[in-house]
Amino acid sequence: MKEIVQRLKAPTPRFFRKVRNAGLILTGVAGAIATAPVALPAAVIAAAGYLALAGAIASAVSQTAVKTGRQK
């Protein structure tokens, strides 16, 4: 368990920070679509759910990437 916490606290490489931020934006947009106060087709609501899931997974996975001394 300590290794996971240390990994999450370690510096994240630049590319994975961009992936994490894109995932967070994707999740936010999907959440806004899913909770829109207007009537939307069921397919749009379902797609928003899948986009939210994909964004959350991308954010979580990219957060665990760790910068090592071998990268330039």
N, C-alpha and C. Protein backbone atom coordinates (compact mmCIF):
# COMPACT_ATOMS: atom_id res chain seq x y z
N MET A 1 0.82 -1.19 0.00
CA MET A 1 0.00 0.00 0.00
C MET A 1 0.86 1.26 0.00
N LYS A 2 1.99 1.22 0.71
CA LYS A 2 2.87 2.37 0.74
C LYS A 2 3.38 2.72 -0.65
N GLU A 3 3.68 1.68 -1.45
CA GLU A 3 4.20 1.91 -2.79
C GLU A 3 3.19 2.67 -3.65
N ILE A 4 1.93 2.36 -3.51
CA ILE A 4 0.91 3.03 -4.31
C ILE A 4 0.81 4.49 -3.91
N VAL A 5 0.82 4.78 -2.63
CA VAL A 5 0.73 6.16 -2.15
C VAL A 5 1.96 6.94 -2.60
N GLN A 6 3.14 6.34 -2.49
CA GLN A 6 4.37 7.01 -2.93
C GLN A 6 4.33 7.26 -4.43
N ARG A 7 3.81 6.31 -5.18
CA ARG A 7 3.72 6.47 -6.63
C ARG A 7 2.78 7.61 -7.00
N LEU A 8 1.67 7.73 -6.29
CA LEU A 8 0.71 8.80 -6.58
C LEU A 8 1.27 10.17 -6.21
N LYS A 9 2.16 10.22 -5.23
CA LYS A 9 2.74 11.49 -4.81
C LYS A 9 3.96 11.88 -5.63
N ALA A 10 4.53 10.95 -6.39
CA ALA A 10 5.74 11.22 -7.17
C ALA A 10 5.41 12.13 -8.36
N PRO A 11 6.42 12.83 -8.90
CA PRO A 11 6.19 13.71 -10.06
C PRO A 11 5.68 12.92 -11.27
N THR A 12 4.76 13.51 -12.00
CA THR A 12 4.17 12.89 -13.18
C THR A 12 4.83 13.48 -14.43
N PRO A 13 5.20 12.65 -15.42
CA PRO A 13 5.77 13.18 -16.66
C PRO A 13 4.80 14.10 -17.39
N ARG A 14 5.36 14.98 -18.20
CA ARG A 14 4.57 16.00 -18.89
C ARG A 14 3.44 15.41 -19.74
N PHE A 15 3.76 14.38 -20.53
CA PHE A 15 2.76 13.77 -21.40
C PHE A 15 1.57 13.26 -20.59
N PHE A 16 1.86 12.59 -19.49
CA PHE A 16 0.79 12.01 -18.68
C PHE A 16 0.00 13.07 -17.92
N ARG A 17 0.61 14.21 -17.65
CA ARG A 17 -0.17 15.32 -17.06
C ARG A 17 -1.19 15.82 -18.06
N LYS A 18 -0.79 15.88 -19.34
CA LYS A 18 -1.73 16.30 -20.39
C LYS A 18 -2.87 15.29 -20.55
N VAL A 19 -2.52 14.00 -20.50
CA VAL A 19 -3.55 12.96 -20.59
C VAL A 19 -4.50 13.05 -19.40
N ARG A 20 -3.94 13.26 -18.20
CA ARG A 20 -4.77 13.38 -16.99
C ARG A 20 -5.73 14.56 -17.11
N ASN A 21 -5.22 15.70 -17.56
CA ASN A 21 -6.07 16.88 -17.68
C ASN A 21 -7.14 16.70 -18.76
N ALA A 22 -6.78 16.07 -19.86
CA ALA A 22 -7.77 15.79 -20.91
C ALA A 22 -8.85 14.85 -20.39
N GLY A 23 -8.46 13.87 -19.61
CA GLY A 23 -9.43 12.95 -19.02
C GLY A 23 -10.38 13.65 -18.06
N LEU A 24 -9.83 14.58 -17.27
CA LEU A 24 -10.68 15.34 -16.35
C LEU A 24 -11.67 16.23 -17.11
N ILE A 25 -11.20 16.84 -18.18
CA ILE A 25 -12.10 17.68 -19.00
C ILE A 25 -13.18 16.82 -19.63
N LEU A 26 -12.79 15.67 -20.17
CA LEU A 26 -13.74 14.76 -20.79
C LEU A 26 -14.80 14.31 -19.79
N THR A 27 -14.37 13.99 -18.59
CA THR A 27 -15.31 13.58 -17.55
C THR A 27 -16.26 14.71 -17.18
N GLY A 28 -15.73 15.92 -17.09
CA GLY A 28 -16.58 17.07 -16.77
C GLY A 28 -17.62 17.36 -17.83
N VAL A 29 -17.19 17.31 -19.09
CA VAL A 29 -18.13 17.55 -20.19
C VAL A 29 -19.20 16.46 -20.22
N ALA A 30 -18.78 15.22 -20.04
CA ALA A 30 -19.74 14.12 -20.05
C ALA A 30 -20.73 14.24 -18.89
N GLY A 31 -20.24 14.67 -17.73
CA GLY A 31 -21.13 14.88 -16.59
C GLY A 31 -22.14 15.99 -16.86
N ALA A 32 -21.68 17.05 -17.51
CA ALA A 32 -22.59 18.15 -17.84
C ALA A 32 -23.67 17.69 -18.83
N ILE A 33 -23.28 16.88 -19.79
CA ILE A 33 -24.25 16.37 -20.77
C ILE A 33 -25.25 15.43 -20.09
N ALA A 34 -24.74 14.56 -19.23
CA ALA A 34 -25.60 13.57 -18.58
C ALA A 34 -26.62 14.23 -17.64
N THR A 35 -26.26 15.36 -17.06
CA THR A 35 -27.17 16.02 -16.12
C THR A 35 -27.82 17.26 -16.70
N ALA A 36 -27.82 17.38 -18.01
CA ALA A 36 -28.42 18.55 -18.66
C ALA A 36 -29.91 18.63 -18.33
N PRO A 37 -30.42 19.85 -18.10
CA PRO A 37 -31.82 20.00 -17.73
C PRO A 37 -32.78 19.89 -18.92
N VAL A 38 -32.26 19.64 -20.12
CA VAL A 38 -33.11 19.49 -21.30
C VAL A 38 -33.21 18.02 -21.65
N ALA A 39 -34.25 17.68 -22.39
CA ALA A 39 -34.45 16.29 -22.80
C ALA A 39 -33.49 15.96 -23.95
N LEU A 40 -32.66 14.97 -23.73
CA LEU A 40 -31.72 14.53 -24.75
C LEU A 40 -32.02 13.08 -25.11
N PRO A 41 -31.68 12.69 -26.34
CA PRO A 41 -31.91 11.29 -26.72
C PRO A 41 -31.14 10.32 -25.81
N ALA A 42 -31.68 9.14 -25.65
CA ALA A 42 -31.07 8.14 -24.78
C ALA A 42 -29.66 7.79 -25.24
N ALA A 43 -29.42 7.80 -26.54
CA ALA A 43 -28.09 7.46 -27.06
C ALA A 43 -27.06 8.49 -26.62
N VAL A 44 -27.45 9.75 -26.55
CA VAL A 44 -26.53 10.80 -26.11
C VAL A 44 -26.20 10.64 -24.64
N ILE A 45 -27.19 10.32 -23.84
CA ILE A 45 -26.98 10.10 -22.41
C ILE A 45 -26.08 8.89 -22.19
N ALA A 46 -26.31 7.82 -22.94
CA ALA A 46 -25.48 6.62 -22.82
C ALA A 46 -24.04 6.93 -23.24
N ALA A 47 -23.86 7.66 -24.33
CA ALA A 47 -22.52 8.02 -24.78
C ALA A 47 -21.81 8.88 -23.74
N ALA A 48 -22.54 9.78 -23.10
CA ALA A 48 -21.95 10.61 -22.05
C ALA A 48 -21.46 9.75 -20.89
N GLY A 49 -22.18 8.72 -20.56
CA GLY A 49 -21.75 7.81 -19.50
C GLY A 49 -20.46 7.09 -19.86
N TYR A 50 -20.36 6.64 -21.11
CA TYR A 50 -19.14 5.98 -21.56
C TYR A 50 -17.96 6.96 -21.60
N LEU A 51 -18.22 8.19 -22.02
CA LEU A 51 -17.15 9.19 -22.05
C LEU A 51 -16.67 9.53 -20.64
N ALA A 52 -17.60 9.58 -19.70
CA ALA A 52 -17.22 9.85 -18.32
C ALA A 52 -16.35 8.71 -17.78
N LEU A 53 -16.70 7.50 -18.09
CA LEU A 53 -15.92 6.35 -17.66
C LEU A 53 -14.52 6.37 -18.28
N ALA A 54 -14.45 6.64 -19.58
CA ALA A 54 -13.16 6.69 -20.27
C ALA A 54 -12.28 7.81 -19.71
N GLY A 55 -12.87 8.95 -19.44
CA GLY A 55 -12.10 10.06 -18.89
C GLY A 55 -11.59 9.77 -17.49
N ALA A 56 -12.41 9.13 -16.69
CA ALA A 56 -11.99 8.78 -15.33
C ALA A 56 -10.87 7.76 -15.34
N ILE A 57 -10.96 6.78 -16.22
CA ILE A 57 -9.91 5.77 -16.31
C ILE A 57 -8.61 6.38 -16.82
N ALA A 58 -8.69 7.23 -17.84
CA ALA A 58 -7.49 7.88 -18.37
C ALA A 58 -6.83 8.74 -17.30
N SER A 59 -7.61 9.45 -16.54
CA SER A 59 -7.05 10.29 -15.48
C SER A 59 -6.39 9.45 -14.39
N ALA A 60 -7.03 8.39 -13.98
CA ALA A 60 -6.49 7.55 -12.91
C ALA A 60 -5.21 6.84 -13.35
N VAL A 61 -5.21 6.31 -14.56
CA VAL A 61 -4.03 5.58 -15.04
C VAL A 61 -2.86 6.54 -15.26
N SER A 62 -3.11 7.69 -15.83
CA SER A 62 -2.02 8.62 -16.10
C SER A 62 -1.44 9.21 -14.82
N GLN A 63 -2.22 9.26 -13.76
CA GLN A 63 -1.72 9.78 -12.49
C GLN A 63 -0.69 8.83 -11.88
N THR A 64 -0.74 7.57 -12.21
CA THR A 64 0.20 6.61 -11.63
C THR A 64 1.53 6.54 -12.38
N ALA A 65 1.64 7.23 -13.52
CA ALA A 65 2.92 7.27 -14.25
C ALA A 65 3.92 8.08 -13.43
N VAL A 66 5.16 7.60 -13.38
CA VAL A 66 6.17 8.23 -12.54
C VAL A 66 7.35 8.65 -13.40
N LYS A 67 7.85 9.86 -13.13
CA LYS A 67 9.02 10.36 -13.82
C LYS A 67 10.25 9.70 -13.20
N THR A 68 11.09 9.10 -14.06
CA THR A 68 12.32 8.47 -13.59
C THR A 68 13.52 9.26 -14.11
N GLY A 69 14.69 8.92 -13.66
CA GLY A 69 15.90 9.62 -14.09
C GLY A 69 16.32 9.33 -15.50
N ARG A 70 15.74 8.28 -16.11
CA ARG A 70 16.12 7.89 -17.47
C ARG A 70 15.49 8.76 -18.53
N GLN A 71 14.43 9.47 -18.24
CA GLN A 71 13.72 10.29 -19.23
C GLN A 71 14.43 11.62 -19.42
N LYS A 72 14.28 12.18 -20.63
CA LYS A 72 14.84 13.49 -20.91
C LYS A 72 13.76 14.48 -21.22
